[in-house]
Amino acid sequence: MSSTKADINKQGWEDSEFPILCETCLGENPYVRMTKQPYGKECKICQRPYTVFRWMPGTNARYKKTEICQTCAKVKNVCQTCILDLQYGLPVEVRDKALNMKPEAPSTDINRQYFAQNLASKVEEGEGIYNPGRITPQSREILEKLSRNEPYYKRNRAHICSFFLKGECNRGESCPYRHELPEENETNMKQNIRDRYHGQNDPVAHKMLNRVRNGGLVAPEDKNVTSLFITGVETDISQEDLKGFFYVFGEIKSIVVSHKSKCAFVNFLTRTSAELAADKIADVGLNLKGHPLKVVWAKPKPQQQNKPKIATKEATNTTTTTA
């Protein structure tokens, strides 16, 4: 808990005994040891000195430390280290959009200290910006769909050694970084802690929100479907523009564009290529020439059930002619 110092220059400085952490950042080791440094750094949100904790969350993990003070963490109900929601483990931008909340904290240095002091008094009184009572059934369904049910300890791994990727690392097993190639889905997004806290310009949040918006990209059971249907195609988007985006996923059989209906079909030669394109669009979305496009799987062709009737008519005609 924060305590007010007698020294006027230290009023509002935080002195805490244990950090506010999510289960993932705390690690799987039940006997974790932490170092405590009172007033070790200034909070990256309110810029007031706070108590810094540093620890090793587990074997083959990197050292972690608190990045913001407890007052700012309580206001948004987030972890002091990863700045993710404590209840759902989601970015602030995703949670706030599900709850229709708008950031109220100033993003500039003007009035930041005054705002932080008011928040500290509100937190001590049990108030804050985050209110779980605002969750509607629809918002709760979205949050539970995106949230993790178990801790994601893989997030605590050491970073990949950049010298190893260049073939220049000579530390061997003593190197504190990972000697392995990055995974295909492993992101190297640079995140600003202040933007992540205020729910602005968060690339991880944008990726998750794109998955929600493109919920129609669930692959159909019919393996013969290899086409994607695109809507919102304006007149300045040509067939070559679509081909320039989709050709990297595999061989394209054909592209059909209808500017009158503002739609297009992209027909791949194989199902694997279509799935790769759908997965990529589900992650980052599709935006061409400043126009956001919506992409869904094309519907399978209905099976023709009139063939036996046609054969029956032909058979009767043949019988009549023969007679």
Protein backbone atom coordinates (compact mmCIF):
# COMPACT_ATOMS: atom_id res chain seq x y z
CA MET A 1 0.00 0.00 0.00
CA SER A 2 1.14 3.53 -0.75
CA SER A 3 2.01 5.73 2.22
CA THR A 4 2.38 9.50 2.46
CA LYS A 5 5.77 10.67 3.68
CA ALA A 6 6.38 13.48 6.13
CA ASP A 7 8.83 15.00 3.67
CA ILE A 8 6.85 17.21 1.30
CA ASN A 9 9.16 16.21 -1.55
CA LYS A 10 8.25 12.56 -1.04
CA GLN A 11 4.50 12.89 -0.79
CA GLY A 12 2.81 10.40 -3.09
CA TRP A 13 5.88 8.17 -3.38
CA GLU A 14 4.93 4.53 -3.21
CA ASP A 15 6.36 2.11 -0.64
CA SER A 16 4.86 -1.37 -1.06
CA GLU A 17 5.66 -4.82 0.30
CA PHE A 18 4.52 -6.99 -2.65
CA PRO A 19 3.74 -6.24 -6.30
CA ILE A 20 0.41 -6.59 -8.12
CA LEU A 21 1.09 -9.32 -10.68
CA CYS A 22 -0.78 -11.73 -12.91
CA GLU A 23 -0.19 -15.46 -12.53
CA THR A 24 1.78 -15.61 -15.78
CA CYS A 25 4.32 -12.94 -14.78
CA LEU A 26 4.69 -14.38 -11.28
CA GLY A 27 5.79 -17.68 -12.84
CA GLU A 28 5.27 -21.34 -12.11
CA ASN A 29 7.89 -21.50 -9.33
CA PRO A 30 6.05 -21.40 -5.96
CA TYR A 31 9.29 -20.40 -4.17
CA VAL A 32 10.13 -17.35 -6.26
CA ARG A 33 12.60 -14.89 -4.72
CA MET A 34 12.36 -11.16 -5.37
CA THR A 35 14.61 -8.19 -4.88
CA LYS A 36 12.99 -5.01 -3.59
CA GLN A 37 14.27 -1.50 -4.31
CA PRO A 38 12.25 1.29 -2.66
CA TYR A 39 11.80 4.30 -4.95
CA GLY A 40 14.00 2.55 -7.52
CA LYS A 41 12.43 4.09 -10.60
CA GLU A 42 9.69 6.45 -11.67
CA CYS A 43 6.41 5.04 -12.90
CA LYS A 44 6.17 5.04 -16.69
CA ILE A 45 2.60 6.36 -16.46
CA CYS A 46 2.45 8.95 -13.67
CA GLN A 47 6.24 9.50 -13.37
CA ARG A 48 6.23 9.21 -9.56
CA PRO A 49 8.88 7.10 -7.75
CA TYR A 50 7.71 3.65 -6.72
CA THR A 51 9.06 0.39 -5.29
CA VAL A 52 10.64 -1.79 -7.99
CA PHE A 53 10.52 -5.59 -7.69
CA ARG A 54 12.72 -7.91 -9.77
CA TRP A 55 12.56 -11.71 -9.96
CA MET A 56 13.16 -14.80 -12.08
CA PRO A 57 9.74 -16.38 -12.88
CA GLY A 58 11.16 -19.85 -13.63
CA THR A 59 13.88 -21.89 -15.27
CA ASN A 60 14.97 -20.80 -18.75
CA ALA A 61 13.12 -17.53 -18.21
CA ARG A 62 14.32 -13.95 -18.27
CA TYR A 63 14.34 -11.59 -15.31
CA LYS A 64 11.19 -9.51 -14.98
CA LYS A 65 10.46 -6.33 -13.05
CA THR A 66 7.56 -4.04 -12.29
CA GLU A 67 7.10 -1.23 -14.82
CA ILE A 68 4.34 0.92 -13.28
CA CYS A 69 3.30 1.87 -9.75
CA GLN A 70 0.52 0.15 -7.83
CA THR A 71 -1.79 3.17 -7.99
CA CYS A 72 -1.84 3.12 -11.80
CA ALA A 73 -2.20 -0.69 -11.77
CA LYS A 74 -5.22 -0.54 -9.43
CA VAL A 75 -6.92 2.15 -11.49
CA LYS A 76 -6.94 0.00 -14.63
CA ASN A 77 -6.94 -3.39 -12.85
CA VAL A 78 -3.79 -4.47 -14.69
CA CYS A 79 -0.55 -6.27 -13.90
CA GLN A 80 2.39 -4.05 -12.94
CA THR A 81 4.67 -5.86 -15.38
CA CYS A 82 2.80 -6.92 -18.54
CA ILE A 83 0.04 -4.24 -18.25
CA LEU A 84 -2.62 -6.84 -19.09
CA ASP A 85 -6.00 -7.13 -17.40
CA LEU A 86 -5.76 -9.19 -14.19
CA GLN A 87 -9.09 -10.97 -14.68
CA TYR A 88 -9.03 -11.87 -18.37
CA GLY A 89 -5.34 -11.48 -19.29
CA LEU A 90 -6.26 -9.21 -22.23
CA PRO A 91 -4.82 -5.89 -23.42
CA VAL A 92 -6.48 -2.78 -22.02
CA GLU A 93 -7.64 -1.70 -25.48
CA VAL A 94 -9.52 -4.97 -26.04
CA ARG A 95 -11.16 -4.88 -22.61
CA ASP A 96 -12.12 -1.20 -22.83
CA LYS A 97 -13.68 -1.59 -26.27
CA ALA A 98 -15.70 -4.54 -25.04
CA LEU A 99 -16.90 -2.41 -22.11
CA ASN A 100 -17.32 0.77 -24.21
CA MET A 101 -14.89 2.62 -21.95
CA LYS A 102 -12.85 5.66 -23.00
CA PRO A 103 -9.43 6.55 -21.55
CA GLU A 104 -9.70 9.45 -19.13
CA ALA A 105 -6.05 9.88 -18.14
CA PRO A 106 -4.05 12.70 -19.81
CA SER A 107 -1.49 11.41 -22.29
CA THR A 108 0.74 14.52 -22.01
CA ASP A 109 2.80 15.89 -19.13
CA ILE A 110 0.24 18.65 -18.49
CA ASN A 111 -1.82 17.96 -15.34
CA ARG A 112 -0.42 14.41 -15.11
CA GLN A 113 0.78 14.86 -11.53
CA TYR A 114 -2.54 16.39 -10.50
CA PHE A 115 -4.43 13.55 -12.14
CA ALA A 116 -2.21 10.95 -10.45
CA GLN A 117 -2.77 12.49 -7.01
CA ASN A 118 -6.54 12.43 -7.50
CA LEU A 119 -6.38 8.80 -8.61
CA ALA A 120 -4.34 7.86 -5.56
CA SER A 121 -6.99 9.30 -3.26
CA LYS A 122 -9.76 7.52 -5.23
CA VAL A 123 -7.95 4.19 -5.02
CA GLU A 124 -7.55 4.54 -1.27
CA GLU A 125 -11.31 5.11 -1.08
CA GLY A 126 -11.96 2.01 -3.18
CA GLU A 127 -12.85 3.81 -6.41
CA GLY A 128 -11.27 3.69 -9.87
CA ILE A 129 -11.84 3.96 -13.59
CA TYR A 130 -12.36 0.23 -14.07
CA ASN A 131 -15.81 -0.95 -13.00
CA PRO A 132 -16.63 -4.67 -13.45
CA GLY A 133 -20.34 -3.84 -13.18
CA ARG A 134 -20.29 -2.37 -16.68
CA ILE A 135 -19.90 -5.81 -18.26
CA THR A 136 -22.94 -6.75 -20.33
CA PRO A 137 -23.71 -10.37 -21.31
CA GLN A 138 -22.50 -9.64 -24.84
CA SER A 139 -19.27 -8.04 -23.58
CA ARG A 140 -18.69 -10.91 -21.17
CA GLU A 141 -19.05 -13.40 -24.02
CA ILE A 142 -16.43 -11.55 -26.09
CA LEU A 143 -14.02 -11.25 -23.17
CA GLU A 144 -14.34 -14.92 -22.21
CA LYS A 145 -13.87 -15.94 -25.83
CA LEU A 146 -10.58 -14.05 -26.13
CA SER A 147 -9.21 -14.66 -22.64
CA ARG A 148 -6.84 -17.44 -21.63
CA ASN A 149 -8.06 -20.01 -19.13
CA GLU A 150 -4.57 -20.94 -17.96
CA PRO A 151 -1.30 -19.00 -17.44
CA TYR A 152 0.87 -18.59 -20.53
CA TYR A 153 4.34 -19.19 -19.08
CA LYS A 154 5.86 -19.29 -22.57
CA ARG A 155 5.68 -15.50 -22.47
CA ASN A 156 8.41 -15.44 -19.81
CA ARG A 157 11.03 -17.08 -22.02
CA ALA A 158 14.31 -15.34 -22.74
CA HIS A 159 14.52 -13.36 -25.95
CA ILE A 160 16.12 -14.83 -29.06
CA CYS A 161 19.85 -14.08 -29.40
CA SER A 162 20.34 -11.66 -32.28
CA PHE A 163 24.00 -12.72 -32.63
CA PHE A 164 22.89 -16.35 -33.01
CA LEU A 165 20.62 -15.36 -35.90
CA LYS A 166 23.64 -13.71 -37.55
CA GLY A 167 25.81 -16.76 -36.80
CA GLU A 168 28.17 -14.69 -34.64
CA CYS A 169 27.35 -15.76 -31.05
CA ASN A 170 30.32 -17.51 -29.38
CA ARG A 171 28.87 -17.87 -25.84
CA GLY A 172 27.39 -21.29 -26.44
CA GLU A 173 25.32 -22.70 -23.58
CA SER A 174 26.33 -19.81 -21.29
CA CYS A 175 24.40 -17.33 -23.44
CA PRO A 176 21.36 -16.03 -21.48
CA TYR A 177 19.35 -15.71 -24.69
CA ARG A 178 17.65 -18.42 -26.74
CA HIS A 179 19.59 -20.05 -29.55
CA GLU A 180 16.73 -20.94 -31.88
CA LEU A 181 14.96 -19.59 -34.91
CA PRO A 182 11.81 -17.53 -34.34
CA GLU A 183 8.54 -19.38 -34.78
CA GLU A 184 6.27 -18.57 -37.68
CA ASN A 185 3.59 -17.00 -35.45
CA GLU A 186 6.05 -15.37 -33.04
CA THR A 187 5.59 -11.61 -33.12
CA ASN A 188 8.35 -9.03 -32.65
CA MET A 189 5.97 -6.11 -32.20
CA LYS A 190 7.40 -3.09 -30.42
CA GLN A 191 4.95 -1.98 -27.77
CA ASN A 192 4.98 1.28 -25.89
CA ILE A 193 3.98 0.73 -22.26
CA ARG A 194 2.19 4.06 -22.03
CA ASP A 195 0.14 3.33 -25.18
CA ARG A 196 -0.61 -0.17 -23.91
CA TYR A 197 -1.81 1.23 -20.58
CA HIS A 198 -4.06 3.87 -22.17
CA GLY A 199 -5.37 1.40 -24.76
CA GLN A 200 -3.98 3.19 -27.81
CA ASN A 201 -1.91 1.96 -30.78
CA ASP A 202 -1.46 -1.52 -29.29
CA PRO A 203 -0.50 -3.97 -32.09
CA VAL A 204 -1.39 -7.03 -30.01
CA ALA A 205 -4.84 -5.59 -29.28
CA HIS A 206 -5.36 -4.80 -32.96
CA LYS A 207 -4.49 -8.38 -33.86
CA MET A 208 -7.02 -9.77 -31.38
CA LEU A 209 -9.75 -7.34 -32.45
CA ASN A 210 -9.20 -8.29 -36.09
CA ARG A 211 -9.84 -11.89 -35.15
CA VAL A 212 -13.17 -10.88 -33.64
CA ARG A 213 -14.15 -8.76 -36.65
CA ASN A 214 -13.21 -11.53 -39.08
CA GLY A 215 -15.09 -14.28 -37.27
CA GLY A 216 -16.44 -15.51 -40.64
CA LEU A 217 -12.99 -16.85 -41.57
CA VAL A 218 -13.61 -20.20 -39.94
CA ALA A 219 -12.73 -22.72 -42.62
CA PRO A 220 -15.74 -24.64 -43.96
CA GLU A 221 -15.86 -28.42 -43.60
CA ASP A 222 -16.09 -28.90 -47.36
CA LYS A 223 -12.45 -29.30 -48.46
CA ASN A 224 -13.38 -28.47 -52.05
CA VAL A 225 -13.95 -24.82 -51.12
CA THR A 226 -10.78 -22.92 -52.11
CA SER A 227 -12.24 -19.44 -52.69
CA LEU A 228 -12.50 -16.28 -50.57
CA PHE A 229 -15.28 -13.72 -50.96
CA ILE A 230 -14.31 -10.05 -50.51
CA THR A 231 -16.70 -7.13 -50.01
CA GLY A 232 -16.08 -3.39 -49.94
CA VAL A 233 -14.07 -3.39 -53.17
CA GLU A 234 -14.05 0.19 -54.46
CA THR A 235 -13.45 1.24 -58.09
CA ASP A 236 -9.81 2.18 -57.46
CA ILE A 237 -8.99 -1.38 -56.32
CA SER A 238 -8.02 -3.41 -59.38
CA GLN A 239 -7.52 -7.09 -60.00
CA GLU A 240 -3.76 -6.54 -59.89
CA ASP A 241 -4.05 -4.98 -56.42
CA LEU A 242 -5.79 -8.09 -55.10
CA LYS A 243 -3.30 -10.34 -56.84
CA GLY A 244 -0.42 -8.40 -55.31
CA PHE A 245 -1.71 -9.22 -51.83
CA PHE A 246 -2.84 -12.84 -52.29
CA TYR A 247 -0.14 -14.27 -54.59
CA VAL A 248 2.28 -14.86 -51.69
CA PHE A 249 -0.02 -17.52 -50.18
CA GLY A 250 -0.01 -19.84 -53.19
CA GLU A 251 -0.99 -20.25 -56.82
CA ILE A 252 -4.15 -18.37 -57.74
CA LYS A 253 -6.58 -19.99 -60.15
CA SER A 254 -8.56 -16.84 -60.93
CA ILE A 255 -9.69 -13.48 -59.54
CA VAL A 256 -13.14 -12.10 -60.36
CA VAL A 257 -13.86 -8.44 -59.53
CA SER A 258 -17.27 -6.76 -59.74
CA HIS A 259 -17.03 -3.04 -59.01
CA LYS A 260 -20.77 -2.66 -59.56
CA SER A 261 -21.46 -4.97 -56.60
CA LYS A 262 -18.26 -3.88 -54.77
CA CYS A 263 -17.17 -7.48 -54.31
CA ALA A 264 -14.59 -9.95 -55.59
CA PHE A 265 -13.75 -13.65 -55.56
CA VAL A 266 -10.22 -14.99 -55.15
CA ASN A 267 -10.01 -18.62 -56.26
CA PHE A 268 -6.92 -20.53 -55.13
CA LEU A 269 -5.67 -23.71 -56.72
CA THR A 270 -5.30 -25.53 -53.38
CA ARG A 271 -7.14 -25.48 -50.06
CA THR A 272 -3.87 -24.95 -48.14
CA SER A 273 -3.21 -21.65 -49.92
CA ALA A 274 -6.71 -20.41 -49.14
CA GLU A 275 -6.33 -21.32 -45.44
CA LEU A 276 -2.99 -19.49 -45.21
CA ALA A 277 -4.56 -16.35 -46.68
CA ALA A 278 -7.56 -16.61 -44.35
CA ASP A 279 -5.35 -17.02 -41.26
CA LYS A 280 -3.23 -14.00 -42.21
CA ILE A 281 -6.29 -11.80 -42.79
CA ALA A 282 -7.78 -12.96 -39.48
CA ASP A 283 -4.62 -11.73 -37.73
CA VAL A 284 -3.93 -8.40 -39.46
CA GLY A 285 -7.04 -7.70 -41.55
CA LEU A 286 -7.08 -6.57 -45.18
CA ASN A 287 -6.71 -2.92 -46.15
CA LEU A 288 -5.99 -1.89 -49.76
CA LYS A 289 -5.50 1.71 -50.83
CA GLY A 290 -7.00 2.93 -47.56
CA HIS A 291 -10.16 0.83 -47.90
CA PRO A 292 -10.85 -1.79 -45.19
CA LEU A 293 -12.12 -4.96 -46.87
CA LYS A 294 -14.18 -7.73 -45.32
CA VAL A 295 -13.20 -11.27 -46.25
CA VAL A 296 -15.17 -14.48 -45.71
CA TRP A 297 -15.02 -17.97 -47.11
CA ALA A 298 -17.06 -18.52 -50.26
CA LYS A 299 -20.09 -20.75 -49.91
CA PRO A 300 -19.83 -24.27 -51.35
CA LYS A 301 -21.71 -24.96 -54.56
CA PRO A 302 -25.07 -26.66 -53.95
CA GLN A 303 -25.23 -30.23 -55.11
CA GLN A 304 -27.37 -30.73 -58.18
CA GLN A 305 -30.22 -33.12 -57.46
CA ASN A 306 -32.01 -32.82 -60.80
CA LYS A 307 -29.70 -35.09 -62.75
CA PRO A 308 -31.74 -38.31 -62.15
CA LYS A 309 -34.92 -36.54 -63.36
CA ILE A 310 -33.20 -35.45 -66.57
CA ALA A 311 -32.03 -38.98 -67.16
CA THR A 312 -35.58 -40.27 -66.61
CA LYS A 313 -36.97 -37.83 -69.21
CA GLU A 314 -34.36 -38.85 -71.72
CA ALA A 315 -35.23 -42.51 -71.09
CA THR A 316 -38.97 -41.89 -71.69
CA ASN A 317 -38.24 -39.96 -74.86
CA THR A 318 -36.11 -42.80 -76.14
CA THR A 319 -38.84 -45.32 -75.37
CA THR A 320 -41.45 -43.23 -77.16
CA THR A 321 -39.27 -42.85 -80.26
CA THR A 322 -38.58 -46.54 -80.42
CA ALA A 323 -42.24 -47.38 -80.22
